[in-house]
Amino acid sequence: MLEKEKLKKLSKTELEFMKVIWENPNGIASKDIYEKFDQARGTKSTILHNIIQKGYVNTIKEGLHVIYTPKVSKEEYEDMIMSQAVSKLEGIIAAFFYKKKLSSGDVEKAKQFLEEIRDDK
């Protein structure tokens, strides 16, 4: 399997597309994905291309369409995101315990992490 810890996090929109792919573990055609979303066709193509580039799906060309199948399960993705969040949190906690003062960079990282957690809800 992939080194999931190195995969980039999906954007909110990419995650919505990926949920459709996860609902179809045996594959879903691009035309079927396109029907589920309101974005312009070019935008949908870009989103799917980004998901491919990040390593989350396999593709097979079938006539005029592309079939998308997940490389990473929803559970594996959620575990990966949780693991990444825990790693960030460990870094923040270590900064609090081992330094009397946090650098502005440390404070900014902590703020960014907390924003990510809030935005994910």
C-alpha atoms as a PDB file:
ATOM      1  CA  MET A   1       0.000   0.000   0.000  1.00  0.00           C
ATOM      2  CA  LEU A   2       0.961   3.659  -0.153  1.00  0.00           C
ATOM      3  CA  GLU A   3       2.855   5.614   2.407  1.00  0.00           C
ATOM      4  CA  LYS A   4      -0.332   7.348   3.480  1.00  0.00           C
ATOM      5  CA  GLU A   5       1.429   9.551   6.000  1.00  0.00           C
ATOM      6  CA  LYS A   6       2.986  11.428   3.060  1.00  0.00           C
ATOM      7  CA  LEU A   7      -0.248  12.089   1.169  1.00  0.00           C
ATOM      8  CA  LYS A   8      -1.413  15.683   1.105  1.00  0.00           C
ATOM      9  CA  LYS A   9      -4.658  16.520   2.843  1.00  0.00           C
ATOM     10  CA  LEU A  10      -7.634  16.940   0.526  1.00  0.00           C
ATOM     11  CA  SER A  11      -9.300  20.341   0.277  1.00  0.00           C
ATOM     12  CA  LYS A  12     -12.959  20.538   1.336  1.00  0.00           C
ATOM     13  CA  THR A  13     -14.096  20.364  -2.297  1.00  0.00           C
ATOM     14  CA  GLU A  14     -11.715  17.514  -3.124  1.00  0.00           C
ATOM     15  CA  LEU A  15     -13.026  15.667  -0.083  1.00  0.00           C
ATOM     16  CA  GLU A  16     -16.624  16.028  -1.344  1.00  0.00           C
ATOM     17  CA  PHE A  17     -15.596  14.508  -4.689  1.00  0.00           C
ATOM     18  CA  MET A  18     -13.649  11.789  -2.900  1.00  0.00           C
ATOM     19  CA  LYS A  19     -16.711  10.872  -0.821  1.00  0.00           C
ATOM     20  CA  VAL A  20     -18.554  10.096  -4.074  1.00  0.00           C
ATOM     21  CA  ILE A  21     -15.648   7.914  -5.189  1.00  0.00           C
ATOM     22  CA  TRP A  22     -15.577   6.122  -1.822  1.00  0.00           C
ATOM     23  CA  GLU A  23     -19.298   5.410  -2.180  1.00  0.00           C
ATOM     24  CA  ASN A  24     -18.400   3.536  -5.377  1.00  0.00           C
ATOM     25  CA  PRO A  25     -15.426   1.344  -4.415  1.00  0.00           C
ATOM     26  CA  ASN A  26     -15.645  -0.656  -7.655  1.00  0.00           C
ATOM     27  CA  GLY A  27     -15.301   2.519  -9.693  1.00  0.00           C
ATOM     28  CA  ILE A  28     -17.353   5.453 -10.891  1.00  0.00           C
ATOM     29  CA  ALA A  29     -17.287   7.096 -14.319  1.00  0.00           C
ATOM     30  CA  SER A  30     -16.340  10.739 -14.685  1.00  0.00           C
ATOM     31  CA  LYS A  31     -19.755  11.531 -16.219  1.00  0.00           C
ATOM     32  CA  ASP A  32     -21.451  10.193 -13.085  1.00  0.00           C
ATOM     33  CA  ILE A  33     -19.242  12.320 -10.845  1.00  0.00           C
ATOM     34  CA  TYR A  34     -19.842  15.393 -13.014  1.00  0.00           C
ATOM     35  CA  GLU A  35     -23.624  14.959 -12.643  1.00  0.00           C
ATOM     36  CA  LYS A  36     -23.375  15.191  -8.861  1.00  0.00           C
ATOM     37  CA  PHE A  37     -21.713  18.619  -8.705  1.00  0.00           C
ATOM     38  CA  ASP A  38     -22.645  22.108  -9.904  1.00  0.00           C
ATOM     39  CA  GLN A  39     -19.201  23.470 -10.735  1.00  0.00           C
ATOM     40  CA  ALA A  40     -18.184  24.192 -14.334  1.00  0.00           C
ATOM     41  CA  ARG A  41     -16.915  21.144 -16.232  1.00  0.00           C
ATOM     42  CA  GLY A  42     -13.352  22.494 -16.286  1.00  0.00           C
ATOM     43  CA  THR A  43     -13.436  23.041 -12.523  1.00  0.00           C
ATOM     44  CA  LYS A  44     -14.631  19.476 -11.964  1.00  0.00           C
ATOM     45  CA  SER A  45     -11.824  18.181 -14.183  1.00  0.00           C
ATOM     46  CA  THR A  46      -9.279  20.212 -12.222  1.00  0.00           C
ATOM     47  CA  ILE A  47     -10.578  18.916  -8.880  1.00  0.00           C
ATOM     48  CA  LEU A  48     -10.393  15.313 -10.081  1.00  0.00           C
ATOM     49  CA  HIS A  49      -6.916  15.923 -11.516  1.00  0.00           C
ATOM     50  CA  ASN A  50      -5.782  17.266  -8.118  1.00  0.00           C
ATOM     51  CA  ILE A  51      -7.134  14.149  -6.390  1.00  0.00           C
ATOM     52  CA  ILE A  52      -5.215  11.973  -8.870  1.00  0.00           C
ATOM     53  CA  GLN A  53      -2.022  14.009  -8.355  1.00  0.00           C
ATOM     54  CA  LYS A  54      -2.326  13.639  -4.584  1.00  0.00           C
ATOM     55  CA  GLY A  55      -2.416   9.855  -5.015  1.00  0.00           C
ATOM     56  CA  TYR A  56      -5.902   9.035  -3.767  1.00  0.00           C
ATOM     57  CA  VAL A  57      -7.391   7.349  -6.842  1.00  0.00           C
ATOM     58  CA  ASN A  58      -6.606   5.003  -9.702  1.00  0.00           C
ATOM     59  CA  THR A  59      -7.947   5.842 -13.135  1.00  0.00           C
ATOM     60  CA  ILE A  60      -8.831   3.742 -16.156  1.00  0.00           C
ATOM     61  CA  LYS A  61      -9.777   5.285 -19.493  1.00  0.00           C
ATOM     62  CA  GLU A  62     -12.972   3.724 -20.805  1.00  0.00           C
ATOM     63  CA  GLY A  63     -14.089   5.246 -24.088  1.00  0.00           C
ATOM     64  CA  LEU A  64     -14.734   8.943 -23.576  1.00  0.00           C
ATOM     65  CA  HIS A  65     -14.829   8.603 -19.811  1.00  0.00           C
ATOM     66  CA  VAL A  66     -12.447   7.925 -16.983  1.00  0.00           C
ATOM     67  CA  ILE A  67     -13.280   5.417 -14.247  1.00  0.00           C
ATOM     68  CA  TYR A  68     -12.108   6.446 -10.776  1.00  0.00           C
ATOM     69  CA  THR A  69     -11.436   3.889  -8.041  1.00  0.00           C
ATOM     70  CA  PRO A  70     -10.087   4.711  -4.578  1.00  0.00           C
ATOM     71  CA  LYS A  71      -6.490   3.803  -3.698  1.00  0.00           C
ATOM     72  CA  VAL A  72      -7.061   4.922  -0.113  1.00  0.00           C
ATOM     73  CA  SER A  73     -10.184   3.990   1.859  1.00  0.00           C
ATOM     74  CA  LYS A  74     -12.184   6.586   3.761  1.00  0.00           C
ATOM     75  CA  GLU A  75     -11.045   4.978   7.025  1.00  0.00           C
ATOM     76  CA  GLU A  76      -7.385   5.103   5.965  1.00  0.00           C
ATOM     77  CA  TYR A  77      -7.784   8.773   5.033  1.00  0.00           C
ATOM     78  CA  GLU A  78      -9.395   9.618   8.370  1.00  0.00           C
ATOM     79  CA  ASP A  79      -6.644   7.734  10.235  1.00  0.00           C
ATOM     80  CA  MET A  80      -3.990   9.610   8.243  1.00  0.00           C
ATOM     81  CA  ILE A  81      -5.559  13.000   8.992  1.00  0.00           C
ATOM     82  CA  MET A  82      -5.850  12.128  12.679  1.00  0.00           C
ATOM     83  CA  SER A  83      -2.226  10.980  12.768  1.00  0.00           C
ATOM     84  CA  GLN A  84      -1.072  14.206  11.124  1.00  0.00           C
ATOM     85  CA  ALA A  85      -3.134  16.263  13.587  1.00  0.00           C
ATOM     86  CA  VAL A  86      -1.676  14.361  16.548  1.00  0.00           C
ATOM     87  CA  SER A  87       1.848  14.954  15.235  1.00  0.00           C
ATOM     88  CA  LYS A  88       1.179  18.688  14.964  1.00  0.00           C
ATOM     89  CA  LEU A  89      -0.359  18.736  18.418  1.00  0.00           C
ATOM     90  CA  GLU A  90       2.657  16.896  19.868  1.00  0.00           C
ATOM     91  CA  GLY A  91       4.905  19.591  18.403  1.00  0.00           C
ATOM     92  CA  ILE A  92       2.819  22.348  19.943  1.00  0.00           C
ATOM     93  CA  ILE A  93       2.735  20.619  23.333  1.00  0.00           C
ATOM     94  CA  ALA A  94       6.492  20.078  23.206  1.00  0.00           C
ATOM     95  CA  ALA A  95       6.945  23.776  22.500  1.00  0.00           C
ATOM     96  CA  PHE A  96       4.883  24.681  25.580  1.00  0.00           C
ATOM     97  CA  PHE A  97       6.769  22.307  27.856  1.00  0.00           C
ATOM     98  CA  TYR A  98      10.320  22.846  26.670  1.00  0.00           C
ATOM     99  CA  LYS A  99      10.347  26.574  26.096  1.00  0.00           C
ATOM    100  CA  LYS A 100       9.561  29.364  28.432  1.00  0.00           C
ATOM    101  CA  LYS A 101       8.613  31.565  25.513  1.00  0.00           C
ATOM    102  CA  LEU A 102       7.222  30.536  22.168  1.00  0.00           C
ATOM    103  CA  SER A 103       8.619  32.131  19.062  1.00  0.00           C
ATOM    104  CA  SER A 104       6.233  34.032  16.809  1.00  0.00           C
ATOM    105  CA  GLY A 105       6.571  31.103  14.393  1.00  0.00           C
ATOM    106  CA  ASP A 106       5.473  28.659  17.113  1.00  0.00           C
ATOM    107  CA  VAL A 107       2.495  30.859  17.957  1.00  0.00           C
ATOM    108  CA  GLU A 108       1.557  31.090  14.283  1.00  0.00           C
ATOM    109  CA  LYS A 109       1.783  27.297  13.882  1.00  0.00           C
ATOM    110  CA  ALA A 110      -0.443  26.813  16.930  1.00  0.00           C
ATOM    111  CA  LYS A 111      -2.994  29.301  15.570  1.00  0.00           C
ATOM    112  CA  GLN A 112      -2.953  27.615  12.159  1.00  0.00           C
ATOM    113  CA  PHE A 113      -3.444  24.183  13.724  1.00  0.00           C
ATOM    114  CA  LEU A 114      -6.368  25.399  15.826  1.00  0.00           C
ATOM    115  CA  GLU A 115      -7.931  27.034  12.756  1.00  0.00           C
ATOM    116  CA  GLU A 116      -7.625  23.757  10.839  1.00  0.00           C
ATOM    117  CA  ILE A 117      -9.372  21.883  13.637  1.00  0.00           C
ATOM    118  CA  ARG A 118     -12.151  24.467  13.773  1.00  0.00           C
ATOM    119  CA  ASP A 119     -12.580  24.480   9.967  1.00  0.00           C
ATOM    120  CA  ASP A 120     -12.812  20.693   9.820  1.00  0.00           C
ATOM    121  CA  LYS A 121     -15.955  20.650  11.954  1.00  0.00           C
END
